[in-house]
Amino acid sequence: MTTPRTYWFPAKRYGWGWGPPTAWQGWIVLVLWTLVLLAGVLLLRHDRHPMGATLAFVLLMGAALTLICYWKGEPPRWRWGDSSE
């Protein structure tokens, strides 16, 4: 007997991507991701590092969150809000 898969991040009703987490694991990921993002931006001081380092860090963090959503979220596809899918 197999158990149904629980998605941490459900698909958005309109458009492509994921909505807010529906599982506690997703909320932990989102809170930790936000804390690491804020800490990284604050620690990359602009007087020592060029703005490019901060931009690279933010892009890397965005890519990491996208990969986690791909791994633990509903399969993404374009959605038009039709509830009969």
C-alpha atoms as a PDB file:
ATOM      1  CA  MET A   1       0.000   0.000   0.000  1.00  0.00           C
ATOM      2  CA  THR A   2       1.476   3.340  -1.015  1.00  0.00           C
ATOM      3  CA  THR A   3       0.846   6.585   0.778  1.00  0.00           C
ATOM      4  CA  PRO A   4      -0.175   9.639  -1.257  1.00  0.00           C
ATOM      5  CA  ARG A   5       2.583  12.150  -1.842  1.00  0.00           C
ATOM      6  CA  THR A   6       2.287  15.310   0.245  1.00  0.00           C
ATOM      7  CA  TYR A   7       3.520  18.411  -1.527  1.00  0.00           C
ATOM      8  CA  TRP A   8       5.198  21.085   0.559  1.00  0.00           C
ATOM      9  CA  PHE A   9       4.445  23.755  -2.050  1.00  0.00           C
ATOM     10  CA  PRO A  10       1.170  23.561  -4.013  1.00  0.00           C
ATOM     11  CA  ALA A  11       0.913  24.891  -7.544  1.00  0.00           C
ATOM     12  CA  LYS A  12      -0.529  28.348  -8.019  1.00  0.00           C
ATOM     13  CA  ARG A  13      -4.092  28.485  -9.293  1.00  0.00           C
ATOM     14  CA  TYR A  14      -3.215  31.043 -12.009  1.00  0.00           C
ATOM     15  CA  GLY A  15       0.081  31.212 -13.859  1.00  0.00           C
ATOM     16  CA  TRP A  16       3.214  29.129 -13.425  1.00  0.00           C
ATOM     17  CA  GLY A  17       4.921  28.357 -10.130  1.00  0.00           C
ATOM     18  CA  TRP A  18       4.095  27.595  -6.531  1.00  0.00           C
ATOM     19  CA  GLY A  19       2.050  29.236  -3.831  1.00  0.00           C
ATOM     20  CA  PRO A  20       2.600  29.472  -0.075  1.00  0.00           C
ATOM     21  CA  PRO A  21       3.568  26.238   1.685  1.00  0.00           C
ATOM     22  CA  THR A  22       0.848  23.887   2.897  1.00  0.00           C
ATOM     23  CA  ALA A  23       3.074  21.595   4.988  1.00  0.00           C
ATOM     24  CA  TRP A  24       5.121  22.470   8.057  1.00  0.00           C
ATOM     25  CA  GLN A  25       8.279  21.372   6.237  1.00  0.00           C
ATOM     26  CA  GLY A  26       7.635  23.971   3.559  1.00  0.00           C
ATOM     27  CA  TRP A  27       7.206  26.681   6.172  1.00  0.00           C
ATOM     28  CA  ILE A  28      10.516  25.687   7.804  1.00  0.00           C
ATOM     29  CA  VAL A  29      12.251  25.876   4.404  1.00  0.00           C
ATOM     30  CA  LEU A  30      10.717  29.283   3.695  1.00  0.00           C
ATOM     31  CA  VAL A  31      11.621  30.746   7.108  1.00  0.00           C
ATOM     32  CA  LEU A  32      15.194  29.416   6.963  1.00  0.00           C
ATOM     33  CA  TRP A  33      15.591  30.620   3.376  1.00  0.00           C
ATOM     34  CA  THR A  34      14.418  34.108   4.364  1.00  0.00           C
ATOM     35  CA  LEU A  35      16.769  34.247   7.356  1.00  0.00           C
ATOM     36  CA  VAL A  36      19.768  33.120   5.289  1.00  0.00           C
ATOM     37  CA  LEU A  37      18.892  35.603   2.542  1.00  0.00           C
ATOM     38  CA  LEU A  38      18.613  38.525   4.985  1.00  0.00           C
ATOM     39  CA  ALA A  39      21.776  37.529   6.848  1.00  0.00           C
ATOM     40  CA  GLY A  40      23.714  37.185   3.599  1.00  0.00           C
ATOM     41  CA  VAL A  41      22.609  40.559   2.282  1.00  0.00           C
ATOM     42  CA  LEU A  42      23.479  42.230   5.586  1.00  0.00           C
ATOM     43  CA  LEU A  43      26.847  40.467   5.874  1.00  0.00           C
ATOM     44  CA  LEU A  44      27.887  41.331   2.330  1.00  0.00           C
ATOM     45  CA  ARG A  45      28.794  44.860   3.247  1.00  0.00           C
ATOM     46  CA  HIS A  46      28.752  47.214   0.299  1.00  0.00           C
ATOM     47  CA  ASP A  47      31.927  49.031   1.363  1.00  0.00           C
ATOM     48  CA  ARG A  48      33.945  45.800   1.069  1.00  0.00           C
ATOM     49  CA  HIS A  49      32.162  43.891  -1.674  1.00  0.00           C
ATOM     50  CA  PRO A  50      30.871  45.202  -4.957  1.00  0.00           C
ATOM     51  CA  MET A  51      27.142  45.192  -5.565  1.00  0.00           C
ATOM     52  CA  GLY A  52      27.691  42.271  -7.962  1.00  0.00           C
ATOM     53  CA  ALA A  53      28.468  39.953  -5.040  1.00  0.00           C
ATOM     54  CA  THR A  54      25.137  40.774  -3.407  1.00  0.00           C
ATOM     55  CA  LEU A  55      23.295  40.290  -6.689  1.00  0.00           C
ATOM     56  CA  ALA A  56      25.021  36.941  -7.267  1.00  0.00           C
ATOM     57  CA  PHE A  57      24.096  35.827  -3.745  1.00  0.00           C
ATOM     58  CA  VAL A  58      20.428  36.789  -4.194  1.00  0.00           C
ATOM     59  CA  LEU A  59      20.256  35.011  -7.567  1.00  0.00           C
ATOM     60  CA  LEU A  60      21.867  31.893  -6.075  1.00  0.00           C
ATOM     61  CA  MET A  61      19.395  31.893  -3.196  1.00  0.00           C
ATOM     62  CA  GLY A  62      16.489  32.282  -5.637  1.00  0.00           C
ATOM     63  CA  ALA A  63      17.773  29.353  -7.671  1.00  0.00           C
ATOM     64  CA  ALA A  64      18.099  27.250  -4.506  1.00  0.00           C
ATOM     65  CA  LEU A  65      14.490  27.963  -3.484  1.00  0.00           C
ATOM     66  CA  THR A  66      13.281  27.177  -7.005  1.00  0.00           C
ATOM     67  CA  LEU A  67      15.074  23.819  -6.932  1.00  0.00           C
ATOM     68  CA  ILE A  68      13.538  22.970  -3.558  1.00  0.00           C
ATOM     69  CA  CYS A  69      10.077  23.869  -4.884  1.00  0.00           C
ATOM     70  CA  TYR A  70      10.686  21.694  -7.965  1.00  0.00           C
ATOM     71  CA  TRP A  71      11.765  18.808  -5.743  1.00  0.00           C
ATOM     72  CA  LYS A  72       9.034  19.049  -3.067  1.00  0.00           C
ATOM     73  CA  GLY A  73       6.242  20.912  -4.836  1.00  0.00           C
ATOM     74  CA  GLU A  74       3.509  20.039  -7.283  1.00  0.00           C
ATOM     75  CA  PRO A  75       4.742  19.638 -10.853  1.00  0.00           C
ATOM     76  CA  PRO A  76       4.716  23.113 -12.391  1.00  0.00           C
ATOM     77  CA  ARG A  77       2.751  23.976 -15.507  1.00  0.00           C
ATOM     78  CA  TRP A  78       0.758  26.935 -16.721  1.00  0.00           C
ATOM     79  CA  ARG A  79      -2.634  27.083 -15.005  1.00  0.00           C
ATOM     80  CA  TRP A  80      -5.657  29.178 -15.892  1.00  0.00           C
ATOM     81  CA  GLY A  81      -7.627  28.721 -12.668  1.00  0.00           C
ATOM     82  CA  ASP A  82      -9.894  25.975 -13.933  1.00  0.00           C
ATOM     83  CA  SER A  83     -10.882  23.974 -10.857  1.00  0.00           C
ATOM     84  CA  SER A  84     -11.932  20.925 -12.902  1.00  0.00           C
ATOM     85  CA  GLU A  85      -8.307  19.916 -13.644  1.00  0.00           C
END
